[in-house]
Amino acid sequence: MHTTATRRSSRLLVMLAGLLMLVLVGAPSAYACDCMELTFEEAAANADLIADITIESEIEDVEGEVTYFAVVDTVWKGEESRTIEFTTHEWVASCGLGRIEAGTSLLVWASGEDGSYSSTWCALPADGGPDDPERLTELLGDPADLTDQPIPQPGEPGGPPEQSRPAWVIISVAAVALGIWGLLVPTVAIVLVSRHERRRRR
């Protein structure tokens, strides 16, 4: 009986350890994002834009909704624009694709228009995989290759937003300028007074 109880305790410990590992590492089905699964064809039909993009920089982050400036390399469906603004949530639990590092390339199944698009895990095909580009070509035809088009520069239409200087930089520059001015004025005044006194003595 002691052996049976020991075995049961061991099994219970193994089960608890396994559950703990799933919580810590994250089970594949535990994204905590509840989506209606889409087939490859359904996902393609629902998307406004299916394209290979490369994340260039982050534009803004509003309560976890992160918008990126992205360069479009290949388009299977939708607007053939060299650049877009791409938004997703930084939390996978909120069905977002997570925070994306600059330089990351990914195949997006997105909704939107006029250069502004967004996507979630729910937009992806449940039966997707590494061969998605080949399957998309079979389904939608040859993609448009935009890599030979120039990437717009800041200030140009479709270019990245011009980065404004952080407030602390502006304040620091202003403080330094005021400090220099505050030193310069008394110094000039002292020099002028000294010259005037010398003239009077002569």
N, C-alpha and C. Protein backbone atom coordinates (compact mmCIF):
# COMPACT_ATOMS: atom_id res chain seq x y z
N MET A 1 0.84 -1.21 0.00
CA MET A 1 0.00 0.00 0.00
C MET A 1 0.87 1.25 0.00
N HIS A 2 1.96 1.15 0.75
CA HIS A 2 2.88 2.28 0.78
C HIS A 2 3.45 2.56 -0.61
N THR A 3 3.73 1.47 -1.37
CA THR A 3 4.27 1.62 -2.72
C THR A 3 3.24 2.25 -3.65
N THR A 4 1.98 1.82 -3.54
CA THR A 4 0.91 2.37 -4.38
C THR A 4 0.71 3.86 -4.11
N ALA A 5 0.72 4.21 -2.83
CA ALA A 5 0.55 5.61 -2.46
C ALA A 5 1.71 6.45 -2.97
N THR A 6 2.90 5.89 -2.89
CA THR A 6 4.08 6.60 -3.38
C THR A 6 4.00 6.84 -4.88
N ARG A 7 3.55 5.82 -5.61
CA ARG A 7 3.41 5.95 -7.07
C ARG A 7 2.38 7.03 -7.42
N ARG A 8 1.26 7.02 -6.68
CA ARG A 8 0.23 8.03 -6.96
C ARG A 8 0.77 9.43 -6.69
N SER A 9 1.51 9.56 -5.62
CA SER A 9 2.10 10.86 -5.29
C SER A 9 3.09 11.30 -6.36
N SER A 10 3.88 10.34 -6.86
CA SER A 10 4.85 10.66 -7.92
C SER A 10 4.15 11.11 -9.19
N ARG A 11 3.06 10.38 -9.54
CA ARG A 11 2.32 10.75 -10.75
C ARG A 11 1.71 12.13 -10.61
N LEU A 12 1.17 12.41 -9.41
CA LEU A 12 0.57 13.72 -9.16
C LEU A 12 1.62 14.82 -9.29
N LEU A 13 2.81 14.57 -8.75
CA LEU A 13 3.89 15.56 -8.84
C LEU A 13 4.30 15.80 -10.28
N VAL A 14 4.36 14.70 -11.09
CA VAL A 14 4.73 14.83 -12.50
C VAL A 14 3.69 15.65 -13.25
N MET A 15 2.40 15.38 -12.96
CA MET A 15 1.31 16.12 -13.62
C MET A 15 1.37 17.60 -13.26
N LEU A 16 1.59 17.87 -11.97
CA LEU A 16 1.68 19.27 -11.54
C LEU A 16 2.88 19.97 -12.17
N ALA A 17 4.00 19.26 -12.26
CA ALA A 17 5.19 19.84 -12.89
C ALA A 17 4.94 20.13 -14.36
N GLY A 18 4.22 19.21 -15.03
CA GLY A 18 3.89 19.42 -16.44
C GLY A 18 3.00 20.62 -16.64
N LEU A 19 1.98 20.76 -15.77
CA LEU A 19 1.08 21.92 -15.86
C LEU A 19 1.84 23.22 -15.62
N LEU A 20 2.77 23.18 -14.65
CA LEU A 20 3.57 24.36 -14.35
C LEU A 20 4.43 24.75 -15.55
N MET A 21 5.00 23.77 -16.22
CA MET A 21 5.83 24.05 -17.41
C MET A 21 5.00 24.67 -18.52
N LEU A 22 3.76 24.16 -18.68
CA LEU A 22 2.89 24.72 -19.71
C LEU A 22 2.56 26.18 -19.42
N VAL A 23 2.37 26.47 -18.14
CA VAL A 23 2.06 27.86 -17.77
C VAL A 23 3.26 28.76 -17.99
N LEU A 24 4.46 28.26 -17.58
CA LEU A 24 5.66 29.09 -17.70
C LEU A 24 6.11 29.25 -19.14
N VAL A 25 6.11 28.16 -19.91
CA VAL A 25 6.60 28.20 -21.28
C VAL A 25 5.53 28.68 -22.23
N GLY A 26 4.28 28.26 -21.96
CA GLY A 26 3.19 28.67 -22.84
C GLY A 26 2.78 27.55 -23.76
N ALA A 27 1.60 27.02 -23.55
CA ALA A 27 1.11 25.96 -24.42
C ALA A 27 0.70 26.54 -25.74
N PRO A 28 0.82 25.77 -26.85
CA PRO A 28 0.46 26.29 -28.16
C PRO A 28 -0.97 26.79 -28.23
N SER A 29 -1.88 26.13 -27.49
CA SER A 29 -3.27 26.54 -27.54
C SER A 29 -3.60 27.57 -26.47
N ALA A 30 -2.58 27.99 -25.70
CA ALA A 30 -2.85 28.91 -24.60
C ALA A 30 -2.48 30.34 -24.93
N TYR A 31 -2.67 30.73 -26.18
CA TYR A 31 -2.43 32.12 -26.53
C TYR A 31 -3.46 33.03 -25.86
N ALA A 32 -4.53 32.43 -25.30
CA ALA A 32 -5.61 33.17 -24.66
C ALA A 32 -6.28 34.08 -25.65
N CYS A 33 -6.20 33.76 -26.91
CA CYS A 33 -6.85 34.53 -27.97
C CYS A 33 -7.86 33.60 -28.63
N ASP A 34 -9.12 33.91 -28.48
CA ASP A 34 -10.17 33.03 -28.98
C ASP A 34 -10.57 33.48 -30.38
N CYS A 35 -10.22 32.69 -31.37
CA CYS A 35 -10.52 33.03 -32.76
C CYS A 35 -11.35 31.93 -33.43
N MET A 36 -12.14 32.34 -34.39
CA MET A 36 -12.79 31.38 -35.25
C MET A 36 -11.78 30.96 -36.31
N GLU A 37 -11.46 29.68 -36.37
CA GLU A 37 -10.44 29.22 -37.29
C GLU A 37 -10.87 29.41 -38.75
N LEU A 38 -9.92 29.90 -39.54
CA LEU A 38 -10.16 30.13 -40.97
C LEU A 38 -9.32 29.16 -41.79
N THR A 39 -9.89 28.66 -42.86
CA THR A 39 -9.10 27.86 -43.78
C THR A 39 -8.22 28.81 -44.59
N PHE A 40 -7.29 28.27 -45.31
CA PHE A 40 -6.39 29.08 -46.13
C PHE A 40 -7.19 29.93 -47.12
N GLU A 41 -8.17 29.32 -47.76
CA GLU A 41 -8.99 30.03 -48.75
C GLU A 41 -9.83 31.11 -48.09
N GLU A 42 -10.39 30.83 -46.90
CA GLU A 42 -11.21 31.81 -46.20
C GLU A 42 -10.36 33.01 -45.76
N ALA A 43 -9.17 32.74 -45.24
CA ALA A 43 -8.28 33.82 -44.82
C ALA A 43 -7.90 34.70 -46.00
N ALA A 44 -7.64 34.09 -47.15
CA ALA A 44 -7.28 34.85 -48.34
C ALA A 44 -8.45 35.71 -48.81
N ALA A 45 -9.66 35.16 -48.72
CA ALA A 45 -10.84 35.91 -49.16
C ALA A 45 -11.13 37.08 -48.22
N ASN A 46 -10.88 36.91 -46.92
CA ASN A 46 -11.20 37.95 -45.94
C ASN A 46 -10.19 39.10 -45.94
N ALA A 47 -8.95 38.83 -46.31
CA ALA A 47 -7.89 39.83 -46.20
C ALA A 47 -8.01 40.91 -47.29
N ASP A 48 -7.75 42.15 -46.89
CA ASP A 48 -7.68 43.24 -47.86
C ASP A 48 -6.28 43.34 -48.47
N LEU A 49 -5.30 42.90 -47.69
CA LEU A 49 -3.91 42.94 -48.15
C LEU A 49 -3.20 41.68 -47.70
N ILE A 50 -2.58 41.00 -48.65
CA ILE A 50 -1.70 39.87 -48.34
C ILE A 50 -0.35 40.19 -48.96
N ALA A 51 0.65 40.38 -48.11
CA ALA A 51 1.93 40.87 -48.62
C ALA A 51 3.08 40.50 -47.70
N ASP A 52 4.26 40.42 -48.29
CA ASP A 52 5.50 40.32 -47.52
C ASP A 52 5.94 41.73 -47.18
N ILE A 53 6.11 42.02 -45.88
CA ILE A 53 6.54 43.35 -45.47
C ILE A 53 7.75 43.25 -44.55
N THR A 54 8.46 44.36 -44.44
CA THR A 54 9.58 44.46 -43.49
C THR A 54 9.33 45.65 -42.58
N ILE A 55 9.34 45.41 -41.28
CA ILE A 55 9.12 46.48 -40.30
C ILE A 55 10.36 47.37 -40.26
N GLU A 56 10.15 48.66 -40.45
CA GLU A 56 11.27 49.60 -40.44
C GLU A 56 11.40 50.34 -39.11
N SER A 57 10.28 50.82 -38.58
CA SER A 57 10.35 51.59 -37.34
C SER A 57 8.97 51.66 -36.70
N GLU A 58 8.96 51.98 -35.41
CA GLU A 58 7.70 52.14 -34.68
C GLU A 58 7.25 53.59 -34.79
N ILE A 59 5.96 53.78 -35.08
CA ILE A 59 5.42 55.13 -35.21
C ILE A 59 4.78 55.58 -33.91
N GLU A 60 3.90 54.73 -33.33
CA GLU A 60 3.26 55.09 -32.09
C GLU A 60 2.77 53.84 -31.35
N ASP A 61 2.54 54.01 -30.06
CA ASP A 61 2.04 52.93 -29.20
C ASP A 61 0.94 53.52 -28.33
N VAL A 62 -0.30 53.14 -28.61
CA VAL A 62 -1.45 53.65 -27.86
C VAL A 62 -2.12 52.49 -27.15
N GLU A 63 -1.89 52.39 -25.85
CA GLU A 63 -2.49 51.34 -25.02
C GLU A 63 -2.24 49.94 -25.60
N GLY A 64 -1.03 49.71 -26.05
CA GLY A 64 -0.66 48.40 -26.56
C GLY A 64 -0.90 48.20 -28.03
N GLU A 65 -1.65 49.10 -28.67
CA GLU A 65 -1.84 49.04 -30.12
C GLU A 65 -0.65 49.74 -30.76
N VAL A 66 0.25 48.95 -31.33
CA VAL A 66 1.50 49.51 -31.86
C VAL A 66 1.40 49.65 -33.39
N THR A 67 1.72 50.83 -33.88
CA THR A 67 1.71 51.09 -35.31
C THR A 67 3.15 51.23 -35.80
N TYR A 68 3.45 50.53 -36.89
CA TYR A 68 4.80 50.52 -37.46
C TYR A 68 4.80 51.10 -38.87
N PHE A 69 5.93 51.67 -39.23
CA PHE A 69 6.16 52.03 -40.62
C PHE A 69 6.82 50.82 -41.26
N ALA A 70 6.22 50.30 -42.34
CA ALA A 70 6.71 49.07 -42.96
C ALA A 70 6.90 49.24 -44.46
N VAL A 71 7.90 48.55 -44.97
CA VAL A 71 8.19 48.54 -46.40
C VAL A 71 7.59 47.27 -46.99
N VAL A 72 6.88 47.42 -48.09
CA VAL A 72 6.22 46.28 -48.74
C VAL A 72 7.12 45.76 -49.86
N ASP A 73 7.39 44.46 -49.83
CA ASP A 73 8.27 43.86 -50.83
C ASP A 73 7.49 43.10 -51.91
N THR A 74 6.48 42.34 -51.49
CA THR A 74 5.73 41.50 -52.41
C THR A 74 4.25 41.54 -52.06
N VAL A 75 3.39 41.65 -53.07
CA VAL A 75 1.95 41.74 -52.83
C VAL A 75 1.22 40.67 -53.64
N TRP A 76 0.46 39.82 -52.93
CA TRP A 76 -0.39 38.83 -53.60
C TRP A 76 -1.81 39.36 -53.79
N LYS A 77 -2.24 40.20 -52.85
CA LYS A 77 -3.60 40.74 -52.93
C LYS A 77 -3.63 42.13 -52.32
N GLY A 78 -4.32 43.05 -53.00
CA GLY A 78 -4.54 44.37 -52.42
C GLY A 78 -3.65 45.46 -52.99
N GLU A 79 -3.59 46.55 -52.26
CA GLU A 79 -2.88 47.77 -52.68
C GLU A 79 -1.39 47.50 -52.91
N GLU A 80 -0.91 47.96 -54.04
CA GLU A 80 0.51 47.79 -54.36
C GLU A 80 1.26 49.08 -54.05
N SER A 81 1.38 49.35 -52.76
CA SER A 81 2.09 50.53 -52.28
C SER A 81 3.42 50.09 -51.68
N ARG A 82 4.47 50.86 -51.92
CA ARG A 82 5.82 50.47 -51.45
C ARG A 82 5.92 50.51 -49.93
N THR A 83 5.11 51.35 -49.29
CA THR A 83 5.14 51.44 -47.83
C THR A 83 3.72 51.47 -47.28
N ILE A 84 3.58 51.01 -46.03
CA ILE A 84 2.29 51.08 -45.35
C ILE A 84 2.54 51.37 -43.87
N GLU A 85 1.46 51.74 -43.18
CA GLU A 85 1.46 51.76 -41.73
C GLU A 85 0.75 50.49 -41.28
N PHE A 86 1.41 49.72 -40.41
CA PHE A 86 0.90 48.41 -40.01
C PHE A 86 0.71 48.38 -38.50
N THR A 87 -0.51 48.04 -38.07
CA THR A 87 -0.85 48.06 -36.64
C THR A 87 -1.23 46.67 -36.14
N THR A 88 -0.76 46.34 -34.96
CA THR A 88 -1.17 45.12 -34.27
C THR A 88 -1.00 45.35 -32.78
N HIS A 89 -1.62 44.50 -31.97
CA HIS A 89 -1.48 44.64 -30.52
C HIS A 89 -0.22 43.96 -30.05
N GLU A 90 0.43 44.56 -29.05
CA GLU A 90 1.68 43.98 -28.56
C GLU A 90 1.45 42.73 -27.72
N TRP A 91 0.21 42.50 -27.26
CA TRP A 91 -0.09 41.34 -26.43
C TRP A 91 -0.76 40.26 -27.25
N VAL A 92 -0.16 39.07 -27.26
CA VAL A 92 -0.74 37.93 -27.95
C VAL A 92 -2.07 37.55 -27.30
N ALA A 93 -2.17 37.77 -25.99
CA ALA A 93 -3.41 37.47 -25.29
C ALA A 93 -4.58 38.30 -25.81
N SER A 94 -4.27 39.44 -26.42
CA SER A 94 -5.30 40.29 -27.03
C SER A 94 -5.39 40.04 -28.53
N CYS A 95 -4.90 38.89 -28.96
CA CYS A 95 -4.91 38.46 -30.36
C CYS A 95 -3.94 39.24 -31.24
N GLY A 96 -3.07 40.03 -30.63
CA GLY A 96 -2.07 40.75 -31.42
C GLY A 96 -0.93 39.84 -31.83
N LEU A 97 -0.13 40.32 -32.77
CA LEU A 97 1.02 39.54 -33.24
C LEU A 97 2.24 39.74 -32.34
N GLY A 98 2.08 40.56 -31.30
CA GLY A 98 3.20 40.82 -30.40
C GLY A 98 4.02 42.01 -30.87
N ARG A 99 4.94 42.44 -30.04
CA ARG A 99 5.82 43.55 -30.44
C ARG A 99 6.82 43.05 -31.47
N ILE A 100 7.00 43.82 -32.53
CA ILE A 100 7.81 43.40 -33.67
C ILE A 100 9.06 44.28 -33.76
N GLU A 101 10.20 43.64 -33.81
CA GLU A 101 11.47 44.37 -33.88
C GLU A 101 11.70 44.94 -35.28
N ALA A 102 12.37 46.07 -35.35
CA ALA A 102 12.74 46.66 -36.63
C ALA A 102 13.63 45.69 -37.40
N GLY A 103 13.39 45.57 -38.70
CA GLY A 103 14.15 44.66 -39.52
C GLY A 103 13.48 43.30 -39.70
N THR A 104 12.37 43.08 -38.98
CA THR A 104 11.65 41.81 -39.09
C THR A 104 10.81 41.78 -40.36
N SER A 105 10.91 40.68 -41.11
CA SER A 105 10.08 40.49 -42.30
C SER A 105 9.00 39.46 -41.99
N LEU A 106 7.80 39.72 -42.45
CA LEU A 106 6.71 38.79 -42.20
C LEU A 106 5.66 38.87 -43.29
N LEU A 107 4.94 37.76 -43.46
CA LEU A 107 3.83 37.68 -44.40
C LEU A 107 2.58 38.08 -43.64
N VAL A 108 1.92 39.16 -44.07
CA VAL A 108 0.75 39.66 -43.34
C VAL A 108 -0.54 39.40 -44.12
N TRP A 109 -1.56 39.08 -43.35
CA TRP A 109 -2.93 38.94 -43.85
C TRP A 109 -3.69 40.05 -43.13
N ALA A 110 -3.86 41.17 -43.79
CA ALA A 110 -4.28 42.38 -43.08
C ALA A 110 -5.60 42.95 -43.61
N SER A 111 -6.21 43.77 -42.75
CA SER A 111 -7.41 44.50 -43.11
C SER A 111 -7.09 45.99 -43.12
N GLY A 112 -7.76 46.74 -43.99
CA GLY A 112 -7.55 48.17 -44.05
C GLY A 112 -7.59 48.69 -45.47
N GLU A 113 -7.09 49.91 -45.65
CA GLU A 113 -7.06 50.53 -46.97
C GLU A 113 -6.18 51.77 -46.93
N ASP A 114 -5.88 52.28 -48.12
CA ASP A 114 -5.15 53.55 -48.28
C ASP A 114 -3.89 53.64 -47.42
N GLY A 115 -3.10 52.58 -47.43
CA GLY A 115 -1.81 52.62 -46.76
C GLY A 115 -1.83 52.38 -45.27
N SER A 116 -3.01 52.10 -44.71
CA SER A 116 -3.11 51.86 -43.27
C SER A 116 -3.79 50.51 -43.03
N TYR A 117 -3.04 49.57 -42.43
CA TYR A 117 -3.53 48.20 -42.28
C TYR A 117 -3.25 47.68 -40.87
N SER A 118 -4.03 46.66 -40.51
CA SER A 118 -3.85 46.02 -39.20
C SER A 118 -4.10 44.53 -39.34
N SER A 119 -3.60 43.77 -38.35
CA SER A 119 -3.81 42.32 -38.40
C SER A 119 -3.74 41.74 -37.00
N THR A 120 -4.31 40.53 -36.85
CA THR A 120 -4.30 39.79 -35.60
C THR A 120 -4.05 38.32 -35.92
N TRP A 121 -3.90 37.51 -34.87
CA TRP A 121 -3.76 36.07 -35.07
C TRP A 121 -5.01 35.50 -35.74
N CYS A 122 -6.16 36.15 -35.50
CA CYS A 122 -7.42 35.64 -36.04
C CYS A 122 -7.49 35.74 -37.56
N ALA A 123 -6.65 36.59 -38.15
CA ALA A 123 -6.67 36.75 -39.60
C ALA A 123 -5.87 35.68 -40.32
N LEU A 124 -5.05 34.94 -39.57
CA LEU A 124 -4.17 33.95 -40.19
C LEU A 124 -4.90 32.63 -40.44
N PRO A 125 -4.55 31.94 -41.51
CA PRO A 125 -5.18 30.63 -41.77
C PRO A 125 -4.75 29.59 -40.76
N ALA A 126 -5.71 28.79 -40.29
CA ALA A 126 -5.39 27.76 -39.30
C ALA A 126 -4.49 26.68 -39.90
N ASP A 127 -4.60 26.50 -41.21
CA ASP A 127 -3.79 25.47 -41.87
C ASP A 127 -2.62 26.06 -42.64
N GLY A 128 -2.16 27.26 -42.21
CA GLY A 128 -1.02 27.89 -42.87
C GLY A 128 0.29 27.27 -42.45
N GLY A 129 1.36 27.66 -43.15
CA GLY A 129 2.67 27.09 -42.84
C GLY A 129 3.75 27.70 -43.69
N PRO A 130 4.94 27.10 -43.70
CA PRO A 130 6.08 27.63 -44.46
C PRO A 130 5.83 27.72 -45.96
N ASP A 131 4.89 26.93 -46.48
CA ASP A 131 4.64 26.93 -47.91
C ASP A 131 3.53 27.91 -48.30
N ASP A 132 3.19 28.85 -47.40
CA ASP A 132 2.13 29.82 -47.70
C ASP A 132 2.38 30.61 -48.99
N PRO A 133 3.61 31.11 -49.23
CA PRO A 133 3.84 31.85 -50.48
C PRO A 133 3.50 31.05 -51.73
N GLU A 134 3.90 29.78 -51.75
CA GLU A 134 3.61 28.94 -52.92
C GLU A 134 2.10 28.71 -53.06
N ARG A 135 1.43 28.49 -51.93
CA ARG A 135 -0.02 28.27 -51.96
C ARG A 135 -0.75 29.53 -52.40
N LEU A 136 -0.26 30.69 -51.96
CA LEU A 136 -0.88 31.95 -52.37
C LEU A 136 -0.73 32.17 -53.87
N THR A 137 0.43 31.84 -54.40
CA THR A 137 0.65 31.98 -55.84
C THR A 137 -0.28 31.06 -56.62
N GLU A 138 -0.48 29.84 -56.12
CA GLU A 138 -1.40 28.92 -56.78
C GLU A 138 -2.83 29.43 -56.73
N LEU A 139 -3.19 30.07 -55.61
CA LEU A 139 -4.56 30.53 -55.41
C LEU A 139 -4.85 31.87 -56.08
N LEU A 140 -3.88 32.81 -55.98
CA LEU A 140 -4.13 34.19 -56.43
C LEU A 140 -3.30 34.61 -57.63
N GLY A 141 -2.36 33.78 -58.04
CA GLY A 141 -1.50 34.15 -59.16
C GLY A 141 -0.18 34.72 -58.69
N ASP A 142 0.68 35.05 -59.64
CA ASP A 142 2.00 35.58 -59.31
C ASP A 142 1.89 36.91 -58.56
N PRO A 143 2.68 37.08 -57.51
CA PRO A 143 2.63 38.32 -56.74
C PRO A 143 3.34 39.46 -57.46
N ALA A 144 3.00 40.68 -57.06
CA ALA A 144 3.69 41.87 -57.57
C ALA A 144 4.96 42.08 -56.77
N ASP A 145 6.09 42.17 -57.44
CA ASP A 145 7.38 42.39 -56.80
C ASP A 145 7.67 43.89 -56.81
N LEU A 146 7.72 44.50 -55.60
CA LEU A 146 7.91 45.96 -55.51
C LEU A 146 9.34 46.33 -55.11
N THR A 147 10.22 45.35 -55.02
CA THR A 147 11.56 45.61 -54.50
C THR A 147 12.40 46.51 -55.41
N ASP A 148 11.99 46.63 -56.68
CA ASP A 148 12.75 47.50 -57.57
C ASP A 148 12.31 48.96 -57.47
N GLN A 149 11.27 49.22 -56.68
CA GLN A 149 10.79 50.59 -56.50
C GLN A 149 11.53 51.25 -55.34
N PRO A 150 11.84 52.54 -55.46
CA PRO A 150 12.54 53.23 -54.37
C PRO A 150 11.65 53.37 -53.14
N ILE A 151 12.27 53.39 -51.98
CA ILE A 151 11.55 53.59 -50.73
C ILE A 151 11.48 55.09 -50.44
N PRO A 152 10.27 55.65 -50.29
CA PRO A 152 10.15 57.09 -50.02
C PRO A 152 10.91 57.51 -48.77
N GLN A 153 11.48 58.69 -48.83
CA GLN A 153 12.24 59.23 -47.71
C GLN A 153 11.35 60.10 -46.82
N PRO A 154 11.79 60.40 -45.59
CA PRO A 154 11.00 61.27 -44.72
C PRO A 154 10.65 62.59 -45.41
N GLY A 155 9.40 62.98 -45.30
CA GLY A 155 8.94 64.20 -45.95
C GLY A 155 8.32 63.96 -47.31
N GLU A 156 8.60 62.81 -47.92
CA GLU A 156 8.01 62.46 -49.21
C GLU A 156 6.72 61.69 -48.99
N PRO A 157 5.77 61.74 -49.97
CA PRO A 157 4.54 60.96 -49.84
C PRO A 157 4.84 59.48 -49.65
N GLY A 158 4.26 58.89 -48.62
CA GLY A 158 4.49 57.48 -48.34
C GLY A 158 5.74 57.21 -47.54
N GLY A 159 6.50 58.25 -47.24
CA GLY A 159 7.74 58.09 -46.48
C GLY A 159 7.46 58.01 -44.99
N PRO A 160 8.47 57.62 -44.21
CA PRO A 160 8.29 57.54 -42.75
C PRO A 160 8.06 58.92 -42.17
N PRO A 161 7.31 59.00 -41.06
CA PRO A 161 7.11 60.31 -40.43
C PRO A 161 8.42 60.86 -39.92
N GLU A 162 8.59 62.17 -40.05
CA GLU A 162 9.80 62.79 -39.56
C GLU A 162 9.80 62.74 -38.05
N GLN A 163 10.90 62.25 -37.49
CA GLN A 163 10.99 62.08 -36.04
C GLN A 163 11.14 63.44 -35.38
N SER A 164 10.20 63.74 -34.47
CA SER A 164 10.32 64.98 -33.71
C SER A 164 11.28 64.75 -32.56
N ARG A 165 11.98 65.80 -32.18
CA ARG A 165 12.94 65.67 -31.09
C ARG A 165 12.21 65.51 -29.77
N PRO A 166 12.68 64.63 -28.90
CA PRO A 166 12.06 64.46 -27.59
C PRO A 166 12.03 65.77 -26.82
N ALA A 167 11.02 65.92 -25.95
CA ALA A 167 10.86 67.16 -25.20
C ALA A 167 12.09 67.46 -24.34
N TRP A 168 12.73 66.40 -23.79
CA TRP A 168 13.87 66.65 -22.92
C TRP A 168 15.04 67.24 -23.68
N VAL A 169 15.14 66.90 -24.98
CA VAL A 169 16.21 67.47 -25.79
C VAL A 169 15.96 68.96 -26.01
N ILE A 170 14.72 69.30 -26.31
CA ILE A 170 14.36 70.71 -26.55
C ILE A 170 14.59 71.52 -25.28
N ILE A 171 14.15 70.97 -24.13
CA ILE A 171 14.32 71.67 -22.86
C ILE A 171 15.80 71.85 -22.53
N SER A 172 16.59 70.81 -22.79
CA SER A 172 18.03 70.89 -22.50
C SER A 172 18.71 71.95 -23.34
N VAL A 173 18.36 71.97 -24.64
CA VAL A 173 18.94 72.98 -25.53
C VAL A 173 18.56 74.37 -25.10
N ALA A 174 17.28 74.54 -24.71
CA ALA A 174 16.81 75.85 -24.26
C ALA A 174 17.53 76.28 -22.97
N ALA A 175 17.72 75.33 -22.07
CA ALA A 175 18.40 75.64 -20.80
C ALA A 175 19.84 76.06 -21.04
N VAL A 176 20.52 75.33 -21.94
CA VAL A 176 21.91 75.68 -22.26
C VAL A 176 21.98 77.06 -22.90
N ALA A 177 21.05 77.33 -23.81
CA ALA A 177 21.03 78.64 -24.48
C ALA A 177 20.80 79.76 -23.48
N LEU A 178 19.85 79.53 -22.56
CA LEU A 178 19.59 80.56 -21.54
C LEU A 178 20.80 80.73 -20.62
N GLY A 179 21.47 79.60 -20.31
CA GLY A 179 22.65 79.67 -19.45
C GLY A 179 23.76 80.49 -20.10
N ILE A 180 23.97 80.22 -21.39
CA ILE A 180 25.01 80.97 -22.12
C ILE A 180 24.65 82.44 -22.18
N TRP A 181 23.36 82.71 -22.48
CA TRP A 181 22.92 84.10 -22.55
C TRP A 181 23.07 84.78 -21.18
N GLY A 182 22.75 84.02 -20.13
CA GLY A 182 22.85 84.58 -18.78
C GLY A 182 24.29 84.91 -18.39
N LEU A 183 25.24 84.15 -18.91
CA LEU A 183 26.66 84.45 -18.65
C LEU A 183 27.18 85.55 -19.56
N LEU A 184 26.67 85.54 -20.80
CA LEU A 184 27.19 86.48 -21.79
C LEU A 184 26.82 87.91 -21.46
N VAL A 185 25.57 88.14 -21.04
CA VAL A 185 25.11 89.51 -20.77
C VAL A 185 25.93 90.17 -19.66
N PRO A 186 26.08 89.52 -18.49
CA PRO A 186 26.91 90.16 -17.44
C PRO A 186 28.35 90.38 -17.88
N THR A 187 28.90 89.44 -18.63
CA THR A 187 30.29 89.57 -19.08
C THR A 187 30.46 90.80 -19.97
N VAL A 188 29.53 90.95 -20.94
CA VAL A 188 29.57 92.12 -21.83
C VAL A 188 29.41 93.40 -21.03
N ALA A 189 28.50 93.37 -20.05
CA ALA A 189 28.27 94.56 -19.23
C ALA A 189 29.53 94.93 -18.45
N ILE A 190 30.21 93.94 -17.90
CA ILE A 190 31.44 94.20 -17.13
C ILE A 190 32.52 94.79 -18.03
N VAL A 191 32.67 94.24 -19.25
CA VAL A 191 33.67 94.75 -20.19
C VAL A 191 33.38 96.19 -20.56
N LEU A 192 32.12 96.50 -20.82
CA LEU A 192 31.75 97.87 -21.20
C LEU A 192 31.99 98.85 -20.06
N VAL A 193 31.63 98.43 -18.85
CA VAL A 193 31.84 99.30 -17.69
C VAL A 193 33.33 99.53 -17.47
N SER A 194 34.15 98.48 -17.63
CA SER A 194 35.61 98.61 -17.46
C SER A 194 36.18 99.59 -18.47
N ARG A 195 35.77 99.48 -19.72
CA ARG A 195 36.26 100.40 -20.74
C ARG A 195 35.86 101.84 -20.44
N HIS A 196 34.62 102.00 -19.97
CA HIS A 196 34.14 103.34 -19.65
C HIS A 196 34.96 103.96 -18.52
N GLU A 197 35.28 103.15 -17.51
CA GLU A 197 36.06 103.64 -16.38
C GLU A 197 37.47 104.02 -16.82
N ARG A 198 38.05 103.22 -17.71
CA ARG A 198 39.40 103.52 -18.21
C ARG A 198 39.42 104.86 -18.96
N ARG A 199 38.39 105.11 -19.77
CA ARG A 199 38.31 106.34 -20.52
C ARG A 199 38.18 107.55 -19.57
N ARG A 200 37.40 107.35 -18.53
CA ARG A 200 37.22 108.46 -17.57
C ARG A 200 38.52 108.79 -16.86
N ARG A 201 39.32 107.77 -16.55
CA ARG A 201 40.58 107.99 -15.85
C ARG A 201 41.58 108.72 -16.74
N ARG A 202 41.48 108.47 -18.04
CA ARG A 202 42.39 109.14 -18.94
C ARG A 202 42.05 110.63 -19.03
